[in-house]
N, C-alpha and C. Protein backbone atom coordinates (compact mmCIF):
# COMPACT_ATOMS: atom_id res chain seq x y z
N UNK A 1 0.85 -1.18 0.00
CA UNK A 1 0.00 0.00 0.00
C UNK A 1 0.89 1.25 0.00
N UNK A 2 0.56 2.23 -0.79
CA UNK A 2 1.36 3.45 -0.91
C UNK A 2 1.24 4.31 0.35
N UNK A 3 2.29 5.07 0.63
CA UNK A 3 2.33 5.94 1.80
C UNK A 3 1.16 6.91 1.82
N UNK A 4 0.84 7.50 0.67
CA UNK A 4 -0.28 8.45 0.56
C UNK A 4 -1.59 7.78 0.99
N UNK A 5 -1.81 6.55 0.54
CA UNK A 5 -3.04 5.83 0.87
C UNK A 5 -3.12 5.49 2.36
N UNK A 6 -2.00 5.07 2.94
CA UNK A 6 -1.97 4.73 4.36
C UNK A 6 -2.31 5.96 5.19
N UNK A 7 -1.66 7.08 4.88
CA UNK A 7 -1.90 8.32 5.62
C UNK A 7 -3.34 8.80 5.43
N UNK A 8 -3.82 8.75 4.20
CA UNK A 8 -5.19 9.19 3.90
C UNK A 8 -6.22 8.38 4.68
N UNK A 9 -6.09 7.05 4.66
CA UNK A 9 -7.04 6.20 5.37
C UNK A 9 -6.99 6.43 6.87
N UNK A 10 -5.81 6.55 7.43
CA UNK A 10 -5.66 6.74 8.88
C UNK A 10 -6.22 8.09 9.32
N UNK A 11 -5.86 9.13 8.61
CA UNK A 11 -6.29 10.49 8.98
C UNK A 11 -7.79 10.66 8.82
N UNK A 12 -8.33 10.24 7.68
CA UNK A 12 -9.78 10.38 7.48
C UNK A 12 -10.56 9.46 8.40
N UNK A 13 -10.00 8.31 8.74
CA UNK A 13 -10.65 7.40 9.69
C UNK A 13 -10.81 8.01 11.08
N UNK A 14 -9.94 8.93 11.42
CA UNK A 14 -10.02 9.62 12.72
C UNK A 14 -10.87 10.88 12.64
N UNK A 15 -11.38 11.21 11.46
CA UNK A 15 -12.26 12.37 11.31
C UNK A 15 -11.55 13.65 10.92
N UNK A 16 -10.34 13.54 10.37
CA UNK A 16 -9.59 14.71 9.94
C UNK A 16 -9.43 14.67 8.43
N UNK A 17 -8.84 15.72 7.90
CA UNK A 17 -8.58 15.82 6.47
C UNK A 17 -7.07 15.89 6.27
N UNK A 18 -6.54 15.08 5.34
CA UNK A 18 -5.11 15.11 5.02
C UNK A 18 -4.86 16.26 4.06
N UNK A 19 -4.05 17.22 4.49
CA UNK A 19 -3.75 18.39 3.66
C UNK A 19 -2.52 18.12 2.81
N UNK A 20 -1.48 17.58 3.44
CA UNK A 20 -0.21 17.41 2.74
C UNK A 20 0.61 16.32 3.43
N UNK A 21 1.38 15.59 2.65
CA UNK A 21 2.33 14.62 3.20
C UNK A 21 3.64 14.84 2.47
N UNK A 22 4.72 14.87 3.23
CA UNK A 22 6.02 15.23 2.64
C UNK A 22 7.13 14.41 3.30
N UNK A 23 8.02 13.90 2.48
CA UNK A 23 9.22 13.21 2.98
C UNK A 23 10.39 14.18 2.84
N UNK A 24 11.16 14.31 3.90
CA UNK A 24 12.33 15.19 3.87
C UNK A 24 13.59 14.38 4.13
N UNK A 25 14.71 15.05 3.96
CA UNK A 25 16.00 14.41 4.18
C UNK A 25 16.12 13.96 5.63
N UNK A 26 16.87 12.92 5.85
CA UNK A 26 17.09 12.45 7.21
C UNK A 26 15.96 11.57 7.73
N UNK A 27 15.06 11.14 6.85
CA UNK A 27 13.99 10.24 7.26
C UNK A 27 12.79 10.90 7.90
N UNK A 28 12.68 12.22 7.79
CA UNK A 28 11.54 12.93 8.37
C UNK A 28 10.31 12.75 7.49
N UNK A 29 9.21 12.38 8.12
CA UNK A 29 7.92 12.25 7.44
C UNK A 29 6.99 13.29 8.06
N UNK A 30 6.62 14.28 7.25
CA UNK A 30 5.81 15.41 7.74
C UNK A 30 4.39 15.26 7.18
N UNK A 31 3.39 15.21 8.09
CA UNK A 31 2.00 15.06 7.72
C UNK A 31 1.24 16.28 8.25
N UNK A 32 0.48 16.91 7.37
CA UNK A 32 -0.30 18.09 7.75
C UNK A 32 -1.77 17.72 7.70
N UNK A 33 -2.49 18.01 8.80
CA UNK A 33 -3.91 17.65 8.90
C UNK A 33 -4.75 18.89 9.18
N UNK A 34 -6.03 18.77 8.90
CA UNK A 34 -6.98 19.84 9.20
C UNK A 34 -8.31 19.20 9.53
N UNK A 35 -9.18 19.96 10.18
CA UNK A 35 -10.52 19.48 10.44
C UNK A 35 -11.37 19.69 9.20
N UNK A 36 -12.32 18.78 8.92
CA UNK A 36 -13.17 18.96 7.75
C UNK A 36 -13.93 20.27 7.82
N UNK A 37 -14.14 20.88 6.66
CA UNK A 37 -14.78 22.19 6.60
C UNK A 37 -16.28 22.06 6.45
N UNK A 38 -16.98 22.86 7.22
CA UNK A 38 -18.43 23.00 7.09
C UNK A 38 -18.71 24.49 7.00
N UNK A 39 -19.49 24.96 6.01
CA UNK A 39 -19.76 26.39 5.87
C UNK A 39 -20.32 26.99 7.15
N UNK A 40 -19.73 28.12 7.56
CA UNK A 40 -20.19 28.84 8.74
C UNK A 40 -19.58 28.36 10.04
N UNK A 41 -18.83 27.26 10.03
CA UNK A 41 -18.21 26.73 11.24
C UNK A 41 -16.70 26.79 11.07
N UNK A 42 -16.03 27.49 11.95
CA UNK A 42 -14.57 27.60 11.87
C UNK A 42 -13.95 26.82 13.02
N UNK A 43 -13.23 25.75 12.71
CA UNK A 43 -12.59 24.90 13.69
C UNK A 43 -11.10 24.89 13.42
N UNK A 44 -10.33 24.67 14.48
CA UNK A 44 -8.88 24.66 14.34
C UNK A 44 -8.30 23.39 14.93
N UNK A 45 -7.21 22.91 14.35
CA UNK A 45 -6.50 21.74 14.85
C UNK A 45 -5.70 22.17 16.07
N UNK A 46 -5.75 21.37 17.13
CA UNK A 46 -4.96 21.67 18.33
C UNK A 46 -3.93 20.58 18.57
N UNK A 47 -3.17 20.70 19.64
CA UNK A 47 -2.09 19.76 19.94
C UNK A 47 -2.63 18.35 20.17
N UNK A 48 -3.77 18.27 20.85
CA UNK A 48 -4.36 16.95 21.13
C UNK A 48 -4.74 16.23 19.83
N UNK A 49 -5.23 16.98 18.86
CA UNK A 49 -5.57 16.39 17.56
C UNK A 49 -4.31 15.82 16.89
N UNK A 50 -3.24 16.58 16.91
CA UNK A 50 -1.98 16.13 16.29
C UNK A 50 -1.43 14.90 17.01
N UNK A 51 -1.55 14.90 18.34
CA UNK A 51 -1.07 13.76 19.12
C UNK A 51 -1.87 12.49 18.80
N UNK A 52 -3.17 12.63 18.69
CA UNK A 52 -4.05 11.49 18.38
C UNK A 52 -3.70 10.90 17.01
N UNK A 53 -3.52 11.76 16.02
CA UNK A 53 -3.18 11.30 14.67
C UNK A 53 -1.79 10.68 14.65
N UNK A 54 -0.84 11.28 15.38
CA UNK A 54 0.52 10.76 15.42
C UNK A 54 0.54 9.33 15.95
N UNK A 55 -0.15 9.09 17.05
CA UNK A 55 -0.17 7.74 17.64
C UNK A 55 -0.75 6.72 16.68
N UNK A 56 -1.88 7.05 16.07
CA UNK A 56 -2.53 6.10 15.16
C UNK A 56 -1.71 5.90 13.90
N UNK A 57 -1.11 6.96 13.40
CA UNK A 57 -0.31 6.88 12.18
C UNK A 57 0.96 6.05 12.42
N UNK A 58 1.56 6.16 13.62
CA UNK A 58 2.73 5.35 13.93
C UNK A 58 2.41 3.86 13.85
N UNK A 59 1.26 3.47 14.40
CA UNK A 59 0.85 2.06 14.34
C UNK A 59 0.64 1.62 12.89
N UNK A 60 -0.07 2.43 12.12
CA UNK A 60 -0.38 2.08 10.72
C UNK A 60 0.90 1.97 9.89
N UNK A 61 1.84 2.88 10.09
CA UNK A 61 3.09 2.86 9.34
C UNK A 61 3.96 1.66 9.72
N UNK A 62 3.92 1.29 11.00
CA UNK A 62 4.68 0.14 11.47
C UNK A 62 4.12 -1.16 10.88
N UNK A 63 2.80 -1.28 10.87
CA UNK A 63 2.15 -2.47 10.32
C UNK A 63 2.47 -2.61 8.83
N UNK A 64 2.47 -1.51 8.10
CA UNK A 64 2.72 -1.53 6.65
C UNK A 64 4.21 -1.58 6.31
N UNK A 65 5.07 -1.43 7.31
CA UNK A 65 6.51 -1.52 7.09
C UNK A 65 7.11 -0.31 6.39
N UNK A 66 6.53 0.86 6.60
CA UNK A 66 7.05 2.09 5.99
C UNK A 66 8.29 2.53 6.76
N UNK A 67 9.37 2.83 6.04
CA UNK A 67 10.63 3.23 6.64
C UNK A 67 10.66 4.75 6.82
N UNK A 68 10.82 5.18 8.07
CA UNK A 68 10.99 6.59 8.38
C UNK A 68 11.71 6.69 9.72
N UNK A 69 12.35 7.80 9.99
CA UNK A 69 13.07 8.00 11.25
C UNK A 69 12.24 8.81 12.25
N UNK A 70 11.56 9.83 11.74
CA UNK A 70 10.79 10.72 12.63
C UNK A 70 9.49 11.11 11.95
N UNK A 71 8.42 11.15 12.73
CA UNK A 71 7.11 11.52 12.22
C UNK A 71 6.70 12.85 12.85
N UNK A 72 6.26 13.76 12.01
CA UNK A 72 5.81 15.08 12.48
C UNK A 72 4.41 15.33 11.93
N UNK A 73 3.44 15.51 12.82
CA UNK A 73 2.07 15.80 12.43
C UNK A 73 1.74 17.21 12.92
N UNK A 74 1.22 18.05 12.02
CA UNK A 74 0.94 19.44 12.40
C UNK A 74 -0.28 19.97 11.67
N UNK A 75 -0.69 21.16 12.10
CA UNK A 75 -1.79 21.86 11.43
C UNK A 75 -1.24 22.58 10.20
N UNK A 76 -2.11 23.04 9.30
CA UNK A 76 -1.62 23.69 8.07
C UNK A 76 -0.92 25.02 8.29
N UNK A 77 -1.21 25.72 9.37
CA UNK A 77 -0.54 26.98 9.65
C UNK A 77 -1.12 28.17 8.92
N UNK A 78 -0.44 29.31 9.04
CA UNK A 78 -0.92 30.56 8.46
C UNK A 78 -0.87 30.57 6.94
N UNK A 79 0.10 29.88 6.38
CA UNK A 79 0.25 29.87 4.92
C UNK A 79 -0.20 28.54 4.34
N UNK A 80 -1.39 28.13 4.71
CA UNK A 80 -1.98 26.85 4.32
C UNK A 80 -2.03 26.72 2.80
N UNK A 81 -1.59 25.58 2.27
CA UNK A 81 -1.71 25.38 0.83
C UNK A 81 -3.17 25.14 0.44
N UNK A 82 -3.56 25.67 -0.71
CA UNK A 82 -4.90 25.45 -1.25
C UNK A 82 -4.77 24.45 -2.37
N UNK A 83 -5.42 23.31 -2.25
CA UNK A 83 -5.24 22.22 -3.20
C UNK A 83 -6.39 22.09 -4.19
N UNK A 84 -7.59 21.91 -3.70
CA UNK A 84 -8.70 21.62 -4.59
C UNK A 84 -9.80 22.66 -4.54
N UNK A 85 -10.83 22.40 -5.28
CA UNK A 85 -11.98 23.31 -5.38
C UNK A 85 -12.57 23.61 -4.00
N UNK A 86 -12.61 22.59 -3.14
CA UNK A 86 -13.18 22.75 -1.81
C UNK A 86 -12.39 23.77 -0.98
N UNK A 87 -11.07 23.74 -1.09
CA UNK A 87 -10.22 24.71 -0.37
C UNK A 87 -10.48 26.13 -0.87
N UNK A 88 -10.64 26.28 -2.19
CA UNK A 88 -10.88 27.61 -2.75
C UNK A 88 -12.24 28.14 -2.30
N UNK A 89 -13.25 27.29 -2.24
CA UNK A 89 -14.56 27.71 -1.75
C UNK A 89 -14.48 28.12 -0.29
N UNK A 90 -13.74 27.35 0.49
CA UNK A 90 -13.60 27.62 1.93
C UNK A 90 -12.95 28.98 2.19
N UNK A 91 -11.94 29.32 1.40
CA UNK A 91 -11.16 30.53 1.69
C UNK A 91 -11.46 31.68 0.72
N UNK A 92 -12.60 31.64 0.05
CA UNK A 92 -13.01 32.76 -0.80
C UNK A 92 -13.14 34.01 0.07
N UNK A 93 -12.58 35.12 -0.41
CA UNK A 93 -12.60 36.36 0.35
C UNK A 93 -11.34 36.61 1.16
N UNK A 94 -10.48 35.62 1.28
CA UNK A 94 -9.23 35.74 2.03
C UNK A 94 -8.10 36.19 1.11
N UNK A 95 -7.02 36.69 1.72
CA UNK A 95 -5.82 37.05 0.97
C UNK A 95 -5.05 35.77 0.65
N UNK A 96 -4.65 35.63 -0.62
CA UNK A 96 -3.93 34.44 -1.06
C UNK A 96 -2.71 34.83 -1.89
N UNK A 97 -1.74 33.93 -1.92
CA UNK A 97 -0.59 34.04 -2.81
C UNK A 97 -0.77 32.97 -3.88
N UNK A 98 -0.78 33.39 -5.13
CA UNK A 98 -1.01 32.49 -6.26
C UNK A 98 0.21 32.52 -7.17
N UNK A 99 0.67 31.34 -7.57
CA UNK A 99 1.75 31.22 -8.53
C UNK A 99 1.22 30.43 -9.72
N UNK A 100 1.31 31.02 -10.90
CA UNK A 100 0.83 30.37 -12.12
C UNK A 100 1.92 29.50 -12.72
N UNK A 101 1.52 28.51 -13.50
CA UNK A 101 2.48 27.64 -14.19
C UNK A 101 3.22 28.41 -15.28
N UNK A 102 2.52 29.31 -15.96
CA UNK A 102 3.10 30.09 -17.06
C UNK A 102 2.82 31.57 -16.81
N UNK A 103 3.67 32.47 -17.29
CA UNK A 103 3.42 33.90 -17.13
C UNK A 103 2.09 34.31 -17.78
N UNK A 104 1.53 35.43 -17.32
CA UNK A 104 0.23 35.89 -17.84
C UNK A 104 0.30 36.22 -19.31
N UNK A 105 1.46 36.60 -19.82
CA UNK A 105 1.61 36.91 -21.24
C UNK A 105 0.85 38.16 -21.64
N UNK A 106 0.52 38.27 -22.89
CA UNK A 106 -0.17 39.45 -23.40
C UNK A 106 -1.61 39.51 -22.92
N UNK A 107 -2.16 38.39 -22.44
CA UNK A 107 -3.55 38.36 -21.98
C UNK A 107 -3.72 39.07 -20.65
N UNK A 108 -2.62 39.41 -19.96
CA UNK A 108 -2.71 40.09 -18.68
C UNK A 108 -3.37 41.45 -18.82
N UNK A 109 -4.36 41.71 -18.00
CA UNK A 109 -5.10 42.97 -18.07
C UNK A 109 -4.37 44.07 -17.29
N UNK A 110 -4.59 45.30 -17.70
CA UNK A 110 -4.05 46.45 -16.96
C UNK A 110 -2.56 46.59 -17.09
N UNK A 111 -1.92 46.92 -15.96
CA UNK A 111 -0.49 47.20 -15.96
C UNK A 111 0.33 46.01 -15.48
N UNK A 112 -0.18 44.80 -15.64
CA UNK A 112 0.54 43.61 -15.20
C UNK A 112 1.64 43.29 -16.20
N UNK A 113 2.85 43.05 -15.69
CA UNK A 113 3.97 42.69 -16.56
C UNK A 113 3.69 41.34 -17.21
N UNK A 114 3.98 41.20 -18.49
CA UNK A 114 3.67 39.95 -19.20
C UNK A 114 4.46 38.74 -18.69
N UNK A 115 5.53 38.96 -17.93
CA UNK A 115 6.32 37.84 -17.42
C UNK A 115 5.96 37.48 -15.99
N UNK A 116 4.99 38.16 -15.42
CA UNK A 116 4.63 37.95 -14.02
C UNK A 116 3.87 36.64 -13.82
N UNK A 117 4.28 35.89 -12.77
CA UNK A 117 3.64 34.62 -12.45
C UNK A 117 3.08 34.59 -11.03
N UNK A 118 3.53 35.50 -10.15
CA UNK A 118 3.12 35.49 -8.74
C UNK A 118 2.22 36.69 -8.44
N UNK A 119 1.14 36.41 -7.71
CA UNK A 119 0.17 37.44 -7.38
C UNK A 119 -0.29 37.26 -5.94
N UNK A 120 -0.55 38.38 -5.25
CA UNK A 120 -1.14 38.36 -3.92
C UNK A 120 -2.37 39.24 -3.97
N UNK A 121 -3.49 38.67 -3.55
CA UNK A 121 -4.72 39.44 -3.55
C UNK A 121 -5.86 38.67 -2.91
N UNK A 122 -7.02 39.25 -3.01
CA UNK A 122 -8.22 38.65 -2.42
C UNK A 122 -8.81 37.63 -3.39
N UNK A 123 -9.07 36.43 -2.88
CA UNK A 123 -9.61 35.35 -3.69
C UNK A 123 -11.12 35.51 -3.83
N UNK A 124 -11.61 35.34 -5.03
CA UNK A 124 -13.06 35.44 -5.29
C UNK A 124 -13.44 34.50 -6.43
N UNK A 125 -14.69 34.14 -6.46
CA UNK A 125 -15.21 33.30 -7.54
C UNK A 125 -15.28 34.15 -8.80
N UNK A 126 -14.74 33.64 -9.90
CA UNK A 126 -14.73 34.38 -11.16
C UNK A 126 -15.91 34.00 -12.04
N UNK A 127 -15.94 34.60 -13.19
CA UNK A 127 -16.99 34.31 -14.16
C UNK A 127 -16.69 32.97 -14.85
N UNK A 128 -17.72 32.26 -15.19
CA UNK A 128 -17.55 31.01 -15.91
C UNK A 128 -17.04 29.87 -15.06
N UNK A 129 -17.18 29.95 -13.75
CA UNK A 129 -16.78 28.86 -12.87
C UNK A 129 -15.33 28.87 -12.44
N UNK A 130 -14.53 29.81 -12.92
CA UNK A 130 -13.13 29.89 -12.52
C UNK A 130 -12.97 30.69 -11.24
N UNK A 131 -11.75 31.09 -10.98
CA UNK A 131 -11.43 31.88 -9.78
C UNK A 131 -10.70 33.14 -10.21
N UNK A 132 -10.63 34.11 -9.32
CA UNK A 132 -9.90 35.33 -9.61
C UNK A 132 -9.24 35.87 -8.35
N UNK A 133 -8.16 36.61 -8.58
CA UNK A 133 -7.45 37.30 -7.51
C UNK A 133 -7.56 38.79 -7.80
N UNK A 134 -7.97 39.57 -6.79
CA UNK A 134 -8.11 41.02 -6.95
C UNK A 134 -7.11 41.70 -6.03
N UNK A 135 -6.42 42.71 -6.58
CA UNK A 135 -5.44 43.45 -5.80
C UNK A 135 -5.34 44.87 -6.32
N UNK A 136 -4.72 45.69 -5.49
CA UNK A 136 -4.44 47.06 -5.87
C UNK A 136 -2.97 47.31 -5.58
N UNK A 137 -2.30 48.00 -6.48
CA UNK A 137 -0.88 48.31 -6.27
C UNK A 137 -0.70 49.61 -5.49
N UNK A 138 -1.71 49.96 -4.71
CA UNK A 138 -1.67 51.16 -3.85
C UNK A 138 -0.57 50.96 -2.80
N UNK A 139 0.34 51.94 -2.67
CA UNK A 139 1.38 51.78 -1.64
C UNK A 139 0.77 51.85 -0.24
N UNK A 140 1.38 51.15 0.70
CA UNK A 140 0.90 51.14 2.09
C UNK A 140 1.07 52.53 2.68
N UNK A 141 0.09 52.95 3.48
CA UNK A 141 0.15 54.24 4.15
C UNK A 141 0.92 54.06 5.45
N UNK A 142 1.93 54.89 5.65
CA UNK A 142 2.73 54.82 6.85
C UNK A 142 2.03 55.58 7.97
N UNK A 143 2.22 55.17 9.22
CA UNK A 143 1.59 55.89 10.33
C UNK A 143 2.00 57.35 10.33
N UNK A 144 1.02 58.23 10.44
CA UNK A 144 1.27 59.67 10.46
C UNK A 144 1.39 60.31 9.10
N UNK A 145 1.37 59.52 8.06
CA UNK A 145 1.50 60.05 6.70
C UNK A 145 0.17 60.66 6.26
N UNK A 146 0.26 61.83 5.65
CA UNK A 146 -0.94 62.50 5.13
C UNK A 146 -1.18 62.06 3.70
N UNK A 147 -2.45 61.87 3.38
CA UNK A 147 -2.83 61.46 2.04
C UNK A 147 -3.63 62.60 1.41
N UNK A 148 -3.21 63.00 0.22
CA UNK A 148 -3.90 64.06 -0.49
C UNK A 148 -5.28 63.60 -0.91
N UNK A 149 -6.27 64.47 -0.76
CA UNK A 149 -7.63 64.13 -1.18
C UNK A 149 -7.75 64.13 -2.70
N UNK A 150 -6.83 64.81 -3.35
CA UNK A 150 -6.86 64.90 -4.81
C UNK A 150 -6.26 63.67 -5.48
N UNK A 151 -5.50 62.91 -4.71
CA UNK A 151 -4.83 61.75 -5.29
C UNK A 151 -5.85 60.68 -5.69
N UNK A 152 -5.69 60.20 -6.90
CA UNK A 152 -6.56 59.14 -7.39
C UNK A 152 -6.12 57.81 -6.79
N UNK A 153 -7.04 57.01 -6.30
CA UNK A 153 -6.65 55.69 -5.80
C UNK A 153 -6.21 54.79 -6.94
N UNK A 154 -5.28 53.89 -6.63
CA UNK A 154 -4.81 52.95 -7.65
C UNK A 154 -5.97 52.03 -8.05
N UNK A 155 -6.07 51.71 -9.32
CA UNK A 155 -7.19 50.85 -9.76
C UNK A 155 -7.05 49.43 -9.20
N UNK A 156 -8.18 48.80 -8.96
CA UNK A 156 -8.19 47.41 -8.54
C UNK A 156 -7.98 46.55 -9.78
N UNK A 157 -7.02 45.66 -9.71
CA UNK A 157 -6.72 44.78 -10.84
C UNK A 157 -7.25 43.39 -10.54
N UNK A 158 -7.65 42.69 -11.57
CA UNK A 158 -8.25 41.36 -11.42
C UNK A 158 -7.56 40.40 -12.39
N UNK A 159 -7.20 39.24 -11.88
CA UNK A 159 -6.64 38.19 -12.71
C UNK A 159 -7.51 36.95 -12.55
N UNK A 160 -8.10 36.48 -13.63
CA UNK A 160 -8.89 35.26 -13.61
C UNK A 160 -8.02 34.06 -13.94
N UNK A 161 -8.32 32.92 -13.32
CA UNK A 161 -7.54 31.71 -13.57
C UNK A 161 -8.40 30.48 -13.27
N UNK A 162 -7.94 29.35 -13.77
CA UNK A 162 -8.55 28.07 -13.43
C UNK A 162 -7.55 27.28 -12.60
N UNK A 163 -8.00 26.25 -11.93
CA UNK A 163 -7.10 25.45 -11.08
C UNK A 163 -6.03 24.74 -11.91
N UNK A 164 -6.31 24.48 -13.17
CA UNK A 164 -5.32 23.83 -14.05
C UNK A 164 -4.13 24.75 -14.34
N UNK A 165 -4.34 26.05 -14.30
CA UNK A 165 -3.28 27.02 -14.60
C UNK A 165 -2.36 27.29 -13.40
N UNK A 166 -2.72 26.76 -12.22
CA UNK A 166 -1.96 27.04 -11.01
C UNK A 166 -0.79 26.11 -10.81
N UNK A 167 0.31 26.68 -10.37
CA UNK A 167 1.43 25.89 -9.91
C UNK A 167 1.27 25.69 -8.40
N UNK A 168 0.91 26.79 -7.70
CA UNK A 168 0.75 26.74 -6.25
C UNK A 168 -0.17 27.87 -5.81
N UNK A 169 -0.93 27.60 -4.76
CA UNK A 169 -1.76 28.63 -4.12
C UNK A 169 -1.72 28.40 -2.62
N UNK A 170 -1.53 29.49 -1.88
CA UNK A 170 -1.46 29.42 -0.41
C UNK A 170 -2.19 30.62 0.17
N UNK A 171 -2.66 30.45 1.41
CA UNK A 171 -3.18 31.60 2.12
C UNK A 171 -2.02 32.54 2.38
N UNK A 172 -2.25 33.83 2.26
CA UNK A 172 -1.20 34.81 2.54
C UNK A 172 -1.14 34.99 4.05
N UNK A 173 0.02 34.82 4.65
CA UNK A 173 0.12 34.94 6.11
C UNK A 173 0.00 36.41 6.55
N UNK A 174 -1.21 36.81 6.88
CA UNK A 174 -1.46 38.17 7.35
C UNK A 174 -1.53 38.12 8.87
N UNK A 175 -0.53 38.70 9.53
CA UNK A 175 -0.46 38.67 10.98
C UNK A 175 -0.70 40.08 11.49
N UNK A 176 -1.61 40.20 12.44
CA UNK A 176 -1.95 41.50 13.00
C UNK A 176 -1.71 41.44 14.50
N UNK A 177 -0.59 42.01 14.95
CA UNK A 177 -0.23 41.94 16.36
C UNK A 177 -0.95 42.97 17.21
N UNK A 178 -1.55 43.98 16.60
CA UNK A 178 -2.18 45.04 17.37
C UNK A 178 -3.69 44.86 17.51
N UNK A 179 -4.25 43.83 16.88
CA UNK A 179 -5.67 43.56 17.03
C UNK A 179 -6.57 44.33 16.09
N UNK A 180 -5.99 45.13 15.19
CA UNK A 180 -6.80 45.86 14.22
C UNK A 180 -6.90 45.04 12.95
N UNK A 181 -8.07 45.03 12.38
CA UNK A 181 -8.28 44.29 11.13
C UNK A 181 -7.82 45.14 9.96
N UNK A 182 -7.08 44.54 9.02
CA UNK A 182 -6.66 45.30 7.84
C UNK A 182 -7.88 45.62 6.96
N UNK A 183 -7.81 46.74 6.26
CA UNK A 183 -8.88 47.12 5.36
C UNK A 183 -8.84 46.21 4.15
N UNK A 184 -9.96 45.55 3.86
CA UNK A 184 -10.04 44.63 2.74
C UNK A 184 -10.31 45.39 1.45
N UNK A 185 -9.83 44.85 0.34
CA UNK A 185 -10.08 45.44 -0.97
C UNK A 185 -11.56 45.35 -1.28
N UNK A 186 -12.12 46.44 -1.74
CA UNK A 186 -13.54 46.47 -2.13
C UNK A 186 -14.48 46.95 -1.05
N UNK A 187 -13.97 47.14 0.18
CA UNK A 187 -14.83 47.66 1.25
C UNK A 187 -14.83 49.17 1.22
N UNK A 188 -15.90 49.75 1.68
CA UNK A 188 -15.99 51.20 1.72
C UNK A 188 -15.73 51.73 3.10
């Protein structure tokens, strides 16, 4: 039985979702888990969840004879990878980092460089069943900085894509240590 299948069966059997499995140098086996998503309910993986999965996964890997030196089970973290359609639906409206397989080319709208492949913006459902990232190249306002009322705001740019065009997509790690929520694109 393949390592992916063993991990998938064990993790889902315990009521979790397998996000990622990775083998690293030195025999490290890294497994990332999350709680299944239900619209309107936000749950987080805690230490007890990781411990429970670790114990069960150790038994399953031993029975199947999988060779590894160390097992690490963790939550997806702030920069969670987005894999399938379900992940994109779950995190619609959040800030994401998107890397395309190929540059946008001449089809890129607005002032996007034709060789650009990486984008950070707000994830939204696009037209025709695809997805889109919206961003503004407005420079960040520094504390105490005055903003002219005459200055035109930078236009909001939109890039549409399908999951087939993606190389990688992750949540953008937005950390707010002062407790203030950042202003989202499109809010008044």
